[in-house]
Amino acid sequence: MLLRLDTKDTRPLHEQVAAAVRRAVAEGECRPGDRLPSARDLAQALDVNVNTVLRGLRELREDGVLEFRRGRGVTVADGAERRSGLLEQARALVAEAARAGYSRAELVELIRGIP
């Protein structure tokens, strides 16, 4: 798995790590059941602190993209490719709505009004 971080990106590093893994899953580079490299190896490859990587991976676990299993490490969850792509789109929609002056609650109401 080849991950890269954009040095010009202003988002926190843990969000960039999560986005890079999410993108790898969405593009099929990592498939459900695949084991990810250790957090230490990812941190070394990305030149970031291991705690930064762990924070990004925990975010992905909470989103249902990754599973943490004792003895098996971190694996890609079943259905992760669908969730990963959809989560990225939802985040982009929320960001775009905020730029347009809509709150999250207003965005939810807009979505509920879609037939």
PDB file of N, CA and C in Angstrom:
ATOM      1  N   MET A   1       0.854  -1.167   0.000  1.00  0.00           N
ATOM      2  CA  MET A   1       0.000   0.000   0.000  1.00  0.00           C
ATOM      3  C   MET A   1       0.902   1.233   0.000  1.00  0.00           C
ATOM      4  N   LEU A   2       0.695   2.083  -0.990  1.00  0.00           N
ATOM      5  CA  LEU A   2       1.503   3.282  -1.136  1.00  0.00           C
ATOM      6  C   LEU A   2       0.656   4.490  -0.749  1.00  0.00           C
ATOM      7  N   LEU A   3       0.992   5.097   0.382  1.00  0.00           N
ATOM      8  CA  LEU A   3       0.267   6.272   0.856  1.00  0.00           C
ATOM      9  C   LEU A   3       1.188   7.478   0.791  1.00  0.00           C
ATOM     10  N   ARG A   4       0.577   8.619   0.478  1.00  0.00           N
ATOM     11  CA  ARG A   4       1.341   9.864   0.453  1.00  0.00           C
ATOM     12  C   ARG A   4       0.513  10.956   1.102  1.00  0.00           C
ATOM     13  N   LEU A   5       1.198  11.869   1.765  1.00  0.00           N
ATOM     14  CA  LEU A   5       0.552  13.032   2.346  1.00  0.00           C
ATOM     15  C   LEU A   5       0.981  14.254   1.549  1.00  0.00           C
ATOM     16  N   ASP A   6       0.060  15.188   1.396  1.00  0.00           N
ATOM     17  CA  ASP A   6       0.338  16.425   0.677  1.00  0.00           C
ATOM     18  C   ASP A   6       0.873  17.446   1.671  1.00  0.00           C
ATOM     19  N   THR A   7       2.102  17.870   1.489  1.00  0.00           N
ATOM     20  CA  THR A   7       2.724  18.807   2.432  1.00  0.00           C
ATOM     21  C   THR A   7       2.059  20.184   2.405  1.00  0.00           C
ATOM     22  N   LYS A   8       1.297  20.479   1.350  1.00  0.00           N
ATOM     23  CA  LYS A   8       0.608  21.766   1.257  1.00  0.00           C
ATOM     24  C   LYS A   8      -0.786  21.723   1.862  1.00  0.00           C
ATOM     25  N   ASP A   9      -1.254  20.531   2.206  1.00  0.00           N
ATOM     26  CA  ASP A   9      -2.589  20.370   2.788  1.00  0.00           C
ATOM     27  C   ASP A   9      -2.596  20.953   4.193  1.00  0.00           C
ATOM     28  N   THR A  10      -3.607  21.752   4.503  1.00  0.00           N
ATOM     29  CA  THR A  10      -3.665  22.416   5.806  1.00  0.00           C
ATOM     30  C   THR A  10      -4.445  21.627   6.850  1.00  0.00           C
ATOM     31  N   ARG A  11      -5.048  20.505   6.444  1.00  0.00           N
ATOM     32  CA  ARG A  11      -5.779  19.690   7.414  1.00  0.00           C
ATOM     33  C   ARG A  11      -4.808  19.061   8.406  1.00  0.00           C
ATOM     34  N   PRO A  12      -5.290  18.744   9.609  1.00  0.00           N
ATOM     35  CA  PRO A  12      -4.428  18.051  10.572  1.00  0.00           C
ATOM     36  C   PRO A  12      -3.887  16.748   9.968  1.00  0.00           C
ATOM     37  N   LEU A  13      -2.693  16.369  10.385  1.00  0.00           N
ATOM     38  CA  LEU A  13      -2.045  15.187   9.817  1.00  0.00           C
ATOM     39  C   LEU A  13      -2.856  13.909  10.004  1.00  0.00           C
ATOM     40  N   HIS A  14      -3.519  13.744  11.163  1.00  0.00           N
ATOM     41  CA  HIS A  14      -4.282  12.509  11.365  1.00  0.00           C
ATOM     42  C   HIS A  14      -5.441  12.413  10.375  1.00  0.00           C
ATOM     43  N   GLU A  15      -6.023  13.555   9.998  1.00  0.00           N
ATOM     44  CA  GLU A  15      -7.089  13.553   8.994  1.00  0.00           C
ATOM     45  C   GLU A  15      -6.527  13.212   7.620  1.00  0.00           C
ATOM     46  N   GLN A  16      -5.332  13.682   7.341  1.00  0.00           N
ATOM     47  CA  GLN A  16      -4.690  13.356   6.071  1.00  0.00           C
ATOM     48  C   GLN A  16      -4.359  11.864   5.991  1.00  0.00           C
ATOM     49  N   VAL A  17      -3.905  11.296   7.101  1.00  0.00           N
ATOM     50  CA  VAL A  17      -3.607   9.862   7.144  1.00  0.00           C
ATOM     51  C   VAL A  17      -4.898   9.075   6.881  1.00  0.00           C
ATOM     52  N   ALA A  18      -5.977   9.444   7.580  1.00  0.00           N
ATOM     53  CA  ALA A  18      -7.259   8.760   7.400  1.00  0.00           C
ATOM     54  C   ALA A  18      -7.737   8.890   5.958  1.00  0.00           C
ATOM     55  N   ALA A  19      -7.606  10.077   5.385  1.00  0.00           N
ATOM     56  CA  ALA A  19      -8.039  10.298   4.005  1.00  0.00           C
ATOM     57  C   ALA A  19      -7.227   9.463   3.020  1.00  0.00           C
ATOM     58  N   ALA A  20      -5.930   9.337   3.275  1.00  0.00           N
ATOM     59  CA  ALA A  20      -5.076   8.548   2.382  1.00  0.00           C
ATOM     60  C   ALA A  20      -5.469   7.077   2.415  1.00  0.00           C
ATOM     61  N   VAL A  21      -5.746   6.550   3.592  1.00  0.00           N
ATOM     62  CA  VAL A  21      -6.172   5.147   3.705  1.00  0.00           C
ATOM     63  C   VAL A  21      -7.553   4.995   3.079  1.00  0.00           C
ATOM     64  N   ARG A  22      -8.446   5.936   3.363  1.00  0.00           N
ATOM     65  CA  ARG A  22      -9.800   5.890   2.808  1.00  0.00           C
ATOM     66  C   ARG A  22      -9.756   5.876   1.281  1.00  0.00           C
ATOM     67  N   ARG A  23      -8.886   6.689   0.713  1.00  0.00           N
ATOM     68  CA  ARG A  23      -8.734   6.752  -0.740  1.00  0.00           C
ATOM     69  C   ARG A  23      -8.211   5.417  -1.281  1.00  0.00           C
ATOM     70  N   ALA A  24      -7.238   4.823  -0.593  1.00  0.00           N
ATOM     71  CA  ALA A  24      -6.696   3.529  -1.024  1.00  0.00           C
ATOM     72  C   ALA A  24      -7.783   2.462  -1.013  1.00  0.00           C
ATOM     73  N   VAL A  25      -8.652   2.506  -0.038  1.00  0.00           N
ATOM     74  CA  VAL A  25      -9.758   1.543   0.043  1.00  0.00           C
ATOM     75  C   VAL A  25     -10.761   1.816  -1.074  1.00  0.00           C
ATOM     76  N   ALA A  26     -11.137   3.077  -1.261  1.00  0.00           N
ATOM     77  CA  ALA A  26     -12.131   3.436  -2.276  1.00  0.00           C
ATOM     78  C   ALA A  26     -11.652   3.098  -3.683  1.00  0.00           C
ATOM     79  N   GLU A  27     -10.344   3.211  -3.920  1.00  0.00           N
ATOM     80  CA  GLU A  27      -9.791   2.930  -5.247  1.00  0.00           C
ATOM     81  C   GLU A  27      -9.463   1.455  -5.444  1.00  0.00           C
ATOM     82  N   GLY A  28      -9.711   0.630  -4.434  1.00  0.00           N
ATOM     83  CA  GLY A  28      -9.494  -0.806  -4.562  1.00  0.00           C
ATOM     84  C   GLY A  28      -8.077  -1.264  -4.308  1.00  0.00           C
ATOM     85  N   GLU A  29      -7.219  -0.366  -3.871  1.00  0.00           N
ATOM     86  CA  GLU A  29      -5.842  -0.746  -3.559  1.00  0.00           C
ATOM     87  C   GLU A  29      -5.816  -1.671  -2.343  1.00  0.00           C
ATOM     88  N   CYS A  30      -6.747  -1.450  -1.416  1.00  0.00           N
ATOM     89  CA  CYS A  30      -6.919  -2.303  -0.244  1.00  0.00           C
ATOM     90  C   CYS A  30      -8.344  -2.847  -0.291  1.00  0.00           C
ATOM     91  N   ARG A  31      -8.492  -4.129  -0.139  1.00  0.00           N
ATOM     92  CA  ARG A  31      -9.808  -4.766  -0.226  1.00  0.00           C
ATOM     93  C   ARG A  31     -10.231  -5.293   1.149  1.00  0.00           C
ATOM     94  N   PRO A  32     -11.533  -5.519   1.318  1.00  0.00           N
ATOM     95  CA  PRO A  32     -12.003  -6.069   2.598  1.00  0.00           C
ATOM     96  C   PRO A  32     -11.221  -7.317   2.981  1.00  0.00           C
ATOM     97  N   GLY A  33     -10.793  -7.342   4.232  1.00  0.00           N
ATOM     98  CA  GLY A  33     -10.006  -8.460   4.745  1.00  0.00           C
ATOM     99  C   GLY A  33      -8.509  -8.246   4.660  1.00  0.00           C
ATOM    100  N   ASP A  34      -8.074  -7.306   3.827  1.00  0.00           N
ATOM    101  CA  ASP A  34      -6.641  -7.032   3.703  1.00  0.00           C
ATOM    102  C   ASP A  34      -6.120  -6.448   5.013  1.00  0.00           C
ATOM    103  N   ARG A  35      -4.935  -6.858   5.367  1.00  0.00           N
ATOM    104  CA  ARG A  35      -4.288  -6.352   6.580  1.00  0.00           C
ATOM    105  C   ARG A  35      -3.431  -5.146   6.223  1.00  0.00           C
ATOM    106  N   LEU A  36      -3.531  -4.102   7.023  1.00  0.00           N
ATOM    107  CA  LEU A  36      -2.717  -2.907   6.825  1.00  0.00           C
ATOM    108  C   LEU A  36      -1.358  -3.101   7.485  1.00  0.00           C
ATOM    109  N   PRO A  37      -0.352  -2.373   7.006  1.00  0.00           N
ATOM    110  CA  PRO A  37       0.938  -2.397   7.694  1.00  0.00           C
ATOM    111  C   PRO A  37       0.761  -1.877   9.119  1.00  0.00           C
ATOM    112  N   SER A  38       1.698  -2.178   9.966  1.00  0.00           N
ATOM    113  CA  SER A  38       1.611  -1.702  11.348  1.00  0.00           C
ATOM    114  C   SER A  38       1.636  -0.179  11.386  1.00  0.00           C
ATOM    115  N   ALA A  39       1.090   0.372  12.466  1.00  0.00           N
ATOM    116  CA  ALA A  39       1.077   1.826  12.636  1.00  0.00           C
ATOM    117  C   ALA A  39       2.503   2.369  12.616  1.00  0.00           C
ATOM    118  N   ARG A  40       3.406   1.627  13.191  1.00  0.00           N
ATOM    119  CA  ARG A  40       4.811   2.061  13.214  1.00  0.00           C
ATOM    120  C   ARG A  40       5.372   2.127  11.791  1.00  0.00           C
ATOM    121  N   ASP A  41       5.081   1.110  10.979  1.00  0.00           N
ATOM    122  CA  ASP A  41       5.563   1.104   9.594  1.00  0.00           C
ATOM    123  C   ASP A  41       4.926   2.237   8.781  1.00  0.00           C
ATOM    124  N   LEU A  42       3.617   2.450   8.975  1.00  0.00           N
ATOM    125  CA  LEU A  42       2.940   3.545   8.272  1.00  0.00           C
ATOM    126  C   LEU A  42       3.527   4.894   8.677  1.00  0.00           C
ATOM    127  N   ALA A  43       3.767   5.067   9.975  1.00  0.00           N
ATOM    128  CA  ALA A  43       4.325   6.325  10.468  1.00  0.00           C
ATOM    129  C   ALA A  43       5.696   6.576   9.855  1.00  0.00           C
ATOM    130  N   GLN A  44       6.488   5.542   9.784  1.00  0.00           N
ATOM    131  CA  GLN A  44       7.825   5.681   9.214  1.00  0.00           C
ATOM    132  C   GLN A  44       7.737   6.017   7.723  1.00  0.00           C
ATOM    133  N   ALA A  45       6.845   5.350   6.991  1.00  0.00           N
ATOM    134  CA  ALA A  45       6.699   5.603   5.557  1.00  0.00           C
ATOM    135  C   ALA A  45       6.178   7.004   5.269  1.00  0.00           C
ATOM    136  N   LEU A  46       5.294   7.505   6.140  1.00  0.00           N
ATOM    137  CA  LEU A  46       4.694   8.822   5.939  1.00  0.00           C
ATOM    138  C   LEU A  46       5.487   9.943   6.618  1.00  0.00           C
ATOM    139  N   ASP A  47       6.477   9.559   7.392  1.00  0.00           N
ATOM    140  CA  ASP A  47       7.312  10.511   8.134  1.00  0.00           C
ATOM    141  C   ASP A  47       6.481  11.355   9.101  1.00  0.00           C
ATOM    142  N   VAL A  48       5.620  10.657   9.862  1.00  0.00           N
ATOM    143  CA  VAL A  48       4.821  11.307  10.903  1.00  0.00           C
ATOM    144  C   VAL A  48       4.930  10.468  12.180  1.00  0.00           C
ATOM    145  N   ASN A  49       4.459  11.021  13.271  1.00  0.00           N
ATOM    146  CA  ASN A  49       4.481  10.341  14.552  1.00  0.00           C
ATOM    147  C   ASN A  49       3.509   9.164  14.542  1.00  0.00           C
ATOM    148  N   VAL A  50       3.862   8.089  15.219  1.00  0.00           N
ATOM    149  CA  VAL A  50       3.010   6.901  15.267  1.00  0.00           C
ATOM    150  C   VAL A  50       1.652   7.215  15.905  1.00  0.00           C
ATOM    151  N   ASN A  51       1.621   8.131  16.871  1.00  0.00           N
ATOM    152  CA  ASN A  51       0.346   8.511  17.488  1.00  0.00           C
ATOM    153  C   ASN A  51      -0.574   9.212  16.493  1.00  0.00           C
ATOM    154  N   THR A  52       0.004   9.934  15.560  1.00  0.00           N
ATOM    155  CA  THR A  52      -0.780  10.583  14.502  1.00  0.00           C
ATOM    156  C   THR A  52      -1.446   9.520  13.633  1.00  0.00           C
ATOM    157  N   VAL A  53      -0.689   8.505  13.268  1.00  0.00           N
ATOM    158  CA  VAL A  53      -1.236   7.409  12.462  1.00  0.00           C
ATOM    159  C   VAL A  53      -2.328   6.684  13.235  1.00  0.00           C
ATOM    160  N   LEU A  54      -2.078   6.384  14.500  1.00  0.00           N
ATOM    161  CA  LEU A  54      -3.078   5.679  15.311  1.00  0.00           C
ATOM    162  C   LEU A  54      -4.366   6.481  15.424  1.00  0.00           C
ATOM    163  N   ARG A  55      -4.260   7.784  15.561  1.00  0.00           N
ATOM    164  CA  ARG A  55      -5.457   8.625  15.642  1.00  0.00           C
ATOM    165  C   ARG A  55      -6.259   8.557  14.339  1.00  0.00           C
ATOM    166  N   GLY A  56      -5.573   8.593  13.210  1.00  0.00           N
ATOM    167  CA  GLY A  56      -6.241   8.471  11.909  1.00  0.00           C
ATOM    168  C   GLY A  56      -6.888   7.113  11.731  1.00  0.00           C
ATOM    169  N   LEU A  57      -6.204   6.057  12.163  1.00  0.00           N
ATOM    170  CA  LEU A  57      -6.757   4.708  12.048  1.00  0.00           C
ATOM    171  C   LEU A  57      -7.968   4.523  12.950  1.00  0.00           C
ATOM    172  N   ARG A  58      -7.928   5.103  14.148  1.00  0.00           N
ATOM    173  CA  ARG A  58      -9.091   5.016  15.052  1.00  0.00           C
ATOM    174  C   ARG A  58     -10.308   5.710  14.442  1.00  0.00           C
ATOM    175  N   GLU A  59     -10.076   6.831  13.763  1.00  0.00           N
ATOM    176  CA  GLU A  59     -11.170   7.531  13.084  1.00  0.00           C
ATOM    177  C   GLU A  59     -11.805   6.616  12.030  1.00  0.00           C
ATOM    178  N   LEU A  60     -10.966   5.900  11.308  1.00  0.00           N
ATOM    179  CA  LEU A  60     -11.473   4.982  10.285  1.00  0.00           C
ATOM    180  C   LEU A  60     -12.207   3.792  10.902  1.00  0.00           C
ATOM    181  N   ARG A  61     -11.757   3.357  12.071  1.00  0.00           N
ATOM    182  CA  ARG A  61     -12.470   2.285  12.770  1.00  0.00           C
ATOM    183  C   ARG A  61     -13.852   2.765  13.173  1.00  0.00           C
ATOM    184  N   GLU A  62     -13.933   3.987  13.684  1.00  0.00           N
ATOM    185  CA  GLU A  62     -15.231   4.544  14.083  1.00  0.00           C
ATOM    186  C   GLU A  62     -16.163   4.718  12.892  1.00  0.00           C
ATOM    187  N   ASP A  63     -15.605   4.964  11.714  1.00  0.00           N
ATOM    188  CA  ASP A  63     -16.404   5.114  10.499  1.00  0.00           C
ATOM    189  C   ASP A  63     -16.763   3.774   9.872  1.00  0.00           C
ATOM    190  N   GLY A  64     -16.257   2.680  10.434  1.00  0.00           N
ATOM    191  CA  GLY A  64     -16.574   1.355   9.903  1.00  0.00           C
ATOM    192  C   GLY A  64     -15.738   0.942   8.709  1.00  0.00           C
ATOM    193  N   VAL A  65     -14.649   1.661   8.454  1.00  0.00           N
ATOM    194  CA  VAL A  65     -13.781   1.340   7.324  1.00  0.00           C
ATOM    195  C   VAL A  65     -12.746   0.294   7.711  1.00  0.00           C
ATOM    196  N   LEU A  66     -12.285   0.339   8.953  1.00  0.00           N
ATOM    197  CA  LEU A  66     -11.269  -0.600   9.436  1.00  0.00           C
ATOM    198  C   LEU A  66     -11.777  -1.372  10.645  1.00  0.00           C
ATOM    199  N   GLU A  67     -11.174  -2.528  10.852  1.00  0.00           N
ATOM    200  CA  GLU A  67     -11.433  -3.333  12.052  1.00  0.00           C
ATOM    201  C   GLU A  67     -10.111  -3.584  12.746  1.00  0.00           C
ATOM    202  N   PHE A  68     -10.120  -3.462  14.069  1.00  0.00           N
ATOM    203  CA  PHE A  68      -8.938  -3.768  14.866  1.00  0.00           C
ATOM    204  C   PHE A  68      -9.194  -5.117  15.523  1.00  0.00           C
ATOM    205  N   ARG A  69      -8.296  -6.061  15.298  1.00  0.00           N
ATOM    206  CA  ARG A  69      -8.462  -7.377  15.901  1.00  0.00           C
ATOM    207  C   ARG A  69      -7.165  -7.795  16.564  1.00  0.00           C
ATOM    208  N   ARG A  70      -7.304  -8.164  17.828  1.00  0.00           N
ATOM    209  CA  ARG A  70      -6.133  -8.614  18.580  1.00  0.00           C
ATOM    210  C   ARG A  70      -5.525  -9.828  17.880  1.00  0.00           C
ATOM    211  N   GLY A  71      -4.241  -9.749  17.660  1.00  0.00           N
ATOM    212  CA  GLY A  71      -3.535 -10.847  17.024  1.00  0.00           C
ATOM    213  C   GLY A  71      -3.552 -10.799  15.506  1.00  0.00           C
ATOM    214  N   ARG A  72      -4.495 -10.070  14.919  1.00  0.00           N
ATOM    215  CA  ARG A  72      -4.576  -9.973  13.453  1.00  0.00           C
ATOM    216  C   ARG A  72      -4.224  -8.585  12.955  1.00  0.00           C
ATOM    217  N   GLY A  73      -4.120  -7.633  13.854  1.00  0.00           N
ATOM    218  CA  GLY A  73      -3.788  -6.273  13.454  1.00  0.00           C
ATOM    219  C   GLY A  73      -4.995  -5.523  12.930  1.00  0.00           C
ATOM    220  N   VAL A  74      -4.745  -4.601  12.037  1.00  0.00           N
ATOM    221  CA  VAL A  74      -5.787  -3.745  11.473  1.00  0.00           C
ATOM    222  C   VAL A  74      -6.113  -4.255  10.076  1.00  0.00           C
ATOM    223  N   THR A  75      -7.405  -4.528   9.842  1.00  0.00           N
ATOM    224  CA  THR A  75      -7.833  -5.019   8.538  1.00  0.00           C
ATOM    225  C   THR A  75      -8.932  -4.123   7.980  1.00  0.00           C
ATOM    226  N   VAL A  76      -9.094  -4.175   6.678  1.00  0.00           N
ATOM    227  CA  VAL A  76     -10.153  -3.428   6.003  1.00  0.00           C
ATOM    228  C   VAL A  76     -11.464  -4.168   6.252  1.00  0.00           C
ATOM    229  N   ALA A  77     -12.490  -3.433   6.682  1.00  0.00           N
ATOM    230  CA  ALA A  77     -13.792  -4.016   7.019  1.00  0.00           C
ATOM    231  C   ALA A  77     -14.570  -4.377   5.757  1.00  0.00           C
ATOM    232  N   ASP A  78     -15.473  -5.339   5.893  1.00  0.00           N
ATOM    233  CA  ASP A  78     -16.376  -5.679   4.799  1.00  0.00           C
ATOM    234  C   ASP A  78     -17.229  -4.470   4.455  1.00  0.00           C
ATOM    235  N   GLY A  79     -17.392  -4.188   3.184  1.00  0.00           N
ATOM    236  CA  GLY A  79     -18.191  -3.054   2.740  1.00  0.00           C
ATOM    237  C   GLY A  79     -17.493  -1.717   2.870  1.00  0.00           C
ATOM    238  N   ALA A  80     -16.215  -1.739   3.234  1.00  0.00           N
ATOM    239  CA  ALA A  80     -15.481  -0.499   3.480  1.00  0.00           C
ATOM    240  C   ALA A  80     -15.384   0.379   2.240  1.00  0.00           C
ATOM    241  N   GLU A  81     -15.269  -0.252   1.058  1.00  0.00           N
ATOM    242  CA  GLU A  81     -15.103   0.548  -0.151  1.00  0.00           C
ATOM    243  C   GLU A  81     -16.322   1.430  -0.417  1.00  0.00           C
ATOM    244  N   ARG A  82     -17.509   0.917  -0.107  1.00  0.00           N
ATOM    245  CA  ARG A  82     -18.726   1.727  -0.293  1.00  0.00           C
ATOM    246  C   ARG A  82     -18.786   2.842   0.744  1.00  0.00           C
ATOM    247  N   ARG A  83     -18.546   2.490   2.011  1.00  0.00           N
ATOM    248  CA  ARG A  83     -18.585   3.494   3.079  1.00  0.00           C
ATOM    249  C   ARG A  83     -17.517   4.552   2.887  1.00  0.00           C
ATOM    250  N   SER A  84     -16.341   4.127   2.462  1.00  0.00           N
ATOM    251  CA  SER A  84     -15.223   5.045   2.313  1.00  0.00           C
ATOM    252  C   SER A  84     -15.533   6.121   1.288  1.00  0.00           C
ATOM    253  N   GLY A  85     -16.001   5.723   0.125  1.00  0.00           N
ATOM    254  CA  GLY A  85     -16.329   6.686  -0.920  1.00  0.00           C
ATOM    255  C   GLY A  85     -17.481   7.591  -0.531  1.00  0.00           C
ATOM    256  N   LEU A  86     -18.493   7.021   0.088  1.00  0.00           N
ATOM    257  CA  LEU A  86     -19.654   7.796   0.502  1.00  0.00           C
ATOM    258  C   LEU A  86     -19.296   8.789   1.603  1.00  0.00           C
ATOM    259  N   LEU A  87     -18.461   8.366   2.544  1.00  0.00           N
ATOM    260  CA  LEU A  87     -18.038   9.273   3.615  1.00  0.00           C
ATOM    261  C   LEU A  87     -17.265  10.460   3.056  1.00  0.00           C
ATOM    262  N   GLU A  88     -16.404  10.206   2.083  1.00  0.00           N
ATOM    263  CA  GLU A  88     -15.647  11.297   1.458  1.00  0.00           C
ATOM    264  C   GLU A  88     -16.600  12.278   0.798  1.00  0.00           C
ATOM    265  N   GLN A  89     -17.598  11.773   0.086  1.00  0.00           N
ATOM    266  CA  GLN A  89     -18.573  12.645  -0.573  1.00  0.00           C
ATOM    267  C   GLN A  89     -19.391  13.418   0.447  1.00  0.00           C
ATOM    268  N   ALA A  90     -19.790  12.763   1.522  1.00  0.00           N
ATOM    269  CA  ALA A  90     -20.577  13.440   2.563  1.00  0.00           C
ATOM    270  C   ALA A  90     -19.768  14.549   3.209  1.00  0.00           C
ATOM    271  N   ARG A  91     -18.499  14.285   3.486  1.00  0.00           N
ATOM    272  CA  ARG A  91     -17.645  15.325   4.075  1.00  0.00           C
ATOM    273  C   ARG A  91     -17.496  16.511   3.126  1.00  0.00           C
ATOM    274  N   ALA A  92     -17.350  16.224   1.838  1.00  0.00           N
ATOM    275  CA  ALA A  92     -17.235  17.297   0.851  1.00  0.00           C
ATOM    276  C   ALA A  92     -18.530  18.105   0.793  1.00  0.00           C
ATOM    277  N   LEU A  93     -19.670  17.424   0.883  1.00  0.00           N
ATOM    278  CA  LEU A  93     -20.959  18.111   0.869  1.00  0.00           C
ATOM    279  C   LEU A  93     -21.112  19.014   2.090  1.00  0.00           C
ATOM    280  N   VAL A  94     -20.737  18.509   3.260  1.00  0.00           N
ATOM    281  CA  VAL A  94     -20.825  19.314   4.482  1.00  0.00           C
ATOM    282  C   VAL A  94     -19.916  20.541   4.375  1.00  0.00           C
ATOM    283  N   ALA A  95     -18.725  20.354   3.846  1.00  0.00           N
ATOM    284  CA  ALA A  95     -17.788  21.470   3.686  1.00  0.00           C
ATOM    285  C   ALA A  95     -18.333  22.496   2.694  1.00  0.00           C
ATOM    286  N   GLU A  96     -18.891  22.020   1.592  1.00  0.00           N
ATOM    287  CA  GLU A  96     -19.452  22.925   0.588  1.00  0.00           C
ATOM    288  C   GLU A  96     -20.651  23.683   1.145  1.00  0.00           C
ATOM    289  N   ALA A  97     -21.494  22.998   1.913  1.00  0.00           N
ATOM    290  CA  ALA A  97     -22.645  23.654   2.534  1.00  0.00           C
ATOM    291  C   ALA A  97     -22.178  24.739   3.504  1.00  0.00           C
ATOM    292  N   ALA A  98     -21.139  24.465   4.264  1.00  0.00           N
ATOM    293  CA  ALA A  98     -20.612  25.454   5.205  1.00  0.00           C
ATOM    294  C   ALA A  98     -20.084  26.678   4.457  1.00  0.00           C
ATOM    295  N   ARG A  99     -19.401  26.449   3.333  1.00  0.00           N
ATOM    296  CA  ARG A  99     -18.898  27.572   2.532  1.00  0.00           C
ATOM    297  C   ARG A  99     -20.054  28.414   1.981  1.00  0.00           C
ATOM    298  N   ALA A 100     -21.191  27.743   1.729  1.00  0.00           N
ATOM    299  CA  ALA A 100     -22.364  28.447   1.201  1.00  0.00           C
ATOM    300  C   ALA A 100     -23.205  29.079   2.312  1.00  0.00           C
ATOM    301  N   GLY A 101     -22.780  28.884   3.565  1.00  0.00           N
ATOM    302  CA  GLY A 101     -23.472  29.512   4.681  1.00  0.00           C
ATOM    303  C   GLY A 101     -24.553  28.674   5.331  1.00  0.00           C
ATOM    304  N   TYR A 102     -24.621  27.389   4.998  1.00  0.00           N
ATOM    305  CA  TYR A 102     -25.620  26.501   5.595  1.00  0.00           C
ATOM    306  C   TYR A 102     -25.040  25.781   6.806  1.00  0.00           C
ATOM    307  N   SER A 103     -25.834  25.646   7.849  1.00  0.00           N
ATOM    308  CA  SER A 103     -25.428  24.858   9.012  1.00  0.00           C
ATOM    309  C   SER A 103     -25.672  23.388   8.699  1.00  0.00           C
ATOM    310  N   ARG A 104     -25.146  22.513   9.536  1.00  0.00           N
ATOM    311  CA  ARG A 104     -25.387  21.078   9.347  1.00  0.00           C
ATOM    312  C   ARG A 104     -26.871  20.762   9.463  1.00  0.00           C
ATOM    313  N   ALA A 105     -27.540  21.410  10.415  1.00  0.00           N
ATOM    314  CA  ALA A 105     -28.978  21.168  10.596  1.00  0.00           C
ATOM    315  C   ALA A 105     -29.751  21.589   9.346  1.00  0.00           C
ATOM    316  N   GLU A 106     -29.370  22.727   8.765  1.00  0.00           N
ATOM    317  CA  GLU A 106     -30.040  23.169   7.539  1.00  0.00           C
ATOM    318  C   GLU A 106     -29.770  22.209   6.385  1.00  0.00           C
ATOM    319  N   LEU A 107     -28.545  21.680   6.326  1.00  0.00           N
ATOM    320  CA  LEU A 107     -28.202  20.707   5.293  1.00  0.00           C
ATOM    321  C   LEU A 107     -29.030  19.442   5.450  1.00  0.00           C
ATOM    322  N   VAL A 108     -29.186  18.984   6.682  1.00  0.00           N
ATOM    323  CA  VAL A 108     -30.001  17.791   6.937  1.00  0.00           C
ATOM    324  C   VAL A 108     -31.431  18.020   6.455  1.00  0.00           C
ATOM    325  N   GLU A 109     -31.968  19.198   6.735  1.00  0.00           N
ATOM    326  CA  GLU A 109     -33.329  19.519   6.290  1.00  0.00           C
ATOM    327  C   GLU A 109     -33.420  19.554   4.767  1.00  0.00           C
ATOM    328  N   LEU A 110     -32.399  20.089   4.117  1.00  0.00           N
ATOM    329  CA  LEU A 110     -32.370  20.078   2.657  1.00  0.00           C
ATOM    330  C   LEU A 110     -32.386  18.644   2.112  1.00  0.00           C
ATOM    331  N   ILE A 111     -31.588  17.788   2.720  1.00  0.00           N
ATOM    332  CA  ILE A 111     -31.524  16.394   2.270  1.00  0.00           C
ATOM    333  C   ILE A 111     -32.854  15.692   2.512  1.00  0.00           C
ATOM    334  N   ARG A 112     -33.467  15.930   3.657  1.00  0.00           N
ATOM    335  CA  ARG A 112     -34.764  15.316   3.939  1.00  0.00           C
ATOM    336  C   ARG A 112     -35.823  15.743   2.932  1.00  0.00           C
ATOM    337  N   GLY A 113     -35.682  16.926   2.362  1.00  0.00           N
ATOM    338  CA  GLY A 113     -36.654  17.420   1.392  1.00  0.00           C
ATOM    339  C   GLY A 113     -36.470  16.868  -0.008  1.00  0.00           C
ATOM    340  N   ILE A 114     -35.391  16.114  -0.215  1.00  0.00           N
ATOM    341  CA  ILE A 114     -35.144  15.539  -1.549  1.00  0.00           C
ATOM    342  C   ILE A 114     -36.038  14.315  -1.723  1.00  0.00           C
ATOM    343  N   PRO A 115     -36.831  14.300  -2.817  1.00  0.00           N
ATOM    344  CA  PRO A 115     -37.722  13.139  -3.041  1.00  0.00           C
ATOM    345  C   PRO A 115     -36.962  11.886  -3.433  1.00  0.00           C
TER     346      PRO A 115
END
